Amino acid sequence: MLEGIAFVLSTGIGWAKLPVELGYGSDWTCWRRLHERAEAGVFD
């Protein structure tokens, strides 16, 4: 899942276009996990 988040952030593609076949997990799950961690202050 972390790889999926990094893929989206590094390529600039939209979350809905995250390729599921790469095995990163669903777009919604990656987006939700990123926002959960951001709210928890992980990236501060």
C-alpha atoms as a PDB file:
ATOM      1  CA  MET A   1       0.000   0.000   0.000  1.00  0.00           C
ATOM      2  CA  LEU A   2       2.834   2.415   0.774  1.00  0.00           C
ATOM      3  CA  GLU A   3       4.236   1.657  -2.666  1.00  0.00           C
ATOM      4  CA  GLY A   4       0.892   2.607  -4.206  1.00  0.00           C
ATOM      5  CA  ILE A   5       0.900   5.936  -2.390  1.00  0.00           C
ATOM      6  CA  ALA A   6       4.479   6.603  -3.500  1.00  0.00           C
ATOM      7  CA  PHE A   7       3.594   5.651  -7.086  1.00  0.00           C
ATOM      8  CA  VAL A   8       0.712   8.111  -7.240  1.00  0.00           C
ATOM      9  CA  LEU A   9       2.671  10.913  -5.605  1.00  0.00           C
ATOM     10  CA  SER A  10       5.765  10.403  -7.767  1.00  0.00           C
ATOM     11  CA  THR A  11       3.953  10.035 -11.096  1.00  0.00           C
ATOM     12  CA  GLY A  12       1.225  12.611 -10.506  1.00  0.00           C
ATOM     13  CA  ILE A  13      -1.543  10.356 -11.785  1.00  0.00           C
ATOM     14  CA  GLY A  14      -4.963  10.533 -10.207  1.00  0.00           C
ATOM     15  CA  TRP A  15      -5.913   8.110  -7.477  1.00  0.00           C
ATOM     16  CA  ALA A  16      -8.627   6.587  -9.655  1.00  0.00           C
ATOM     17  CA  LYS A  17      -5.998   5.677 -12.254  1.00  0.00           C
ATOM     18  CA  LEU A  18      -3.798   3.690  -9.864  1.00  0.00           C
ATOM     19  CA  PRO A  19      -3.149   0.406 -11.718  1.00  0.00           C
ATOM     20  CA  VAL A  20      -4.619  -2.377  -9.569  1.00  0.00           C
ATOM     21  CA  GLU A  21      -2.708  -4.979 -11.563  1.00  0.00           C
ATOM     22  CA  LEU A  22       0.561  -3.681 -10.089  1.00  0.00           C
ATOM     23  CA  GLY A  23      -0.529  -5.048  -6.726  1.00  0.00           C
ATOM     24  CA  TYR A  24      -0.533  -1.781  -4.774  1.00  0.00           C
ATOM     25  CA  GLY A  25      -4.063  -2.215  -3.459  1.00  0.00           C
ATOM     26  CA  SER A  26      -7.152  -0.286  -4.383  1.00  0.00           C
ATOM     27  CA  ASP A  27      -7.057   3.408  -5.144  1.00  0.00           C
ATOM     28  CA  TRP A  28      -9.530   4.182  -2.372  1.00  0.00           C
ATOM     29  CA  THR A  29      -7.557   2.255   0.250  1.00  0.00           C
ATOM     30  CA  CYS A  30      -4.268   3.956  -0.656  1.00  0.00           C
ATOM     31  CA  TRP A  31      -5.911   7.393  -0.588  1.00  0.00           C
ATOM     32  CA  ARG A  32      -7.573   6.706   2.759  1.00  0.00           C
ATOM     33  CA  ARG A  33      -4.351   5.428   4.351  1.00  0.00           C
ATOM     34  CA  LEU A  34      -2.426   8.486   3.140  1.00  0.00           C
ATOM     35  CA  HIS A  35      -4.987  10.833   4.678  1.00  0.00           C
ATOM     36  CA  GLU A  36      -5.172   8.860   7.926  1.00  0.00           C
ATOM     37  CA  ARG A  37      -1.410   9.143   8.338  1.00  0.00           C
ATOM     38  CA  ALA A  38      -1.376  12.809   7.367  1.00  0.00           C
ATOM     39  CA  GLU A  39      -4.019  13.566   9.994  1.00  0.00           C
ATOM     40  CA  ALA A  40      -2.022  11.622  12.570  1.00  0.00           C
ATOM     41  CA  GLY A  41       0.975  13.878  11.909  1.00  0.00           C
ATOM     42  CA  VAL A  42       3.231  11.243  10.389  1.00  0.00           C
ATOM     43  CA  PHE A  43       4.514  13.629   7.708  1.00  0.00           C
ATOM     44  CA  ASP A  44       5.068  16.663   9.943  1.00  0.00           C
END
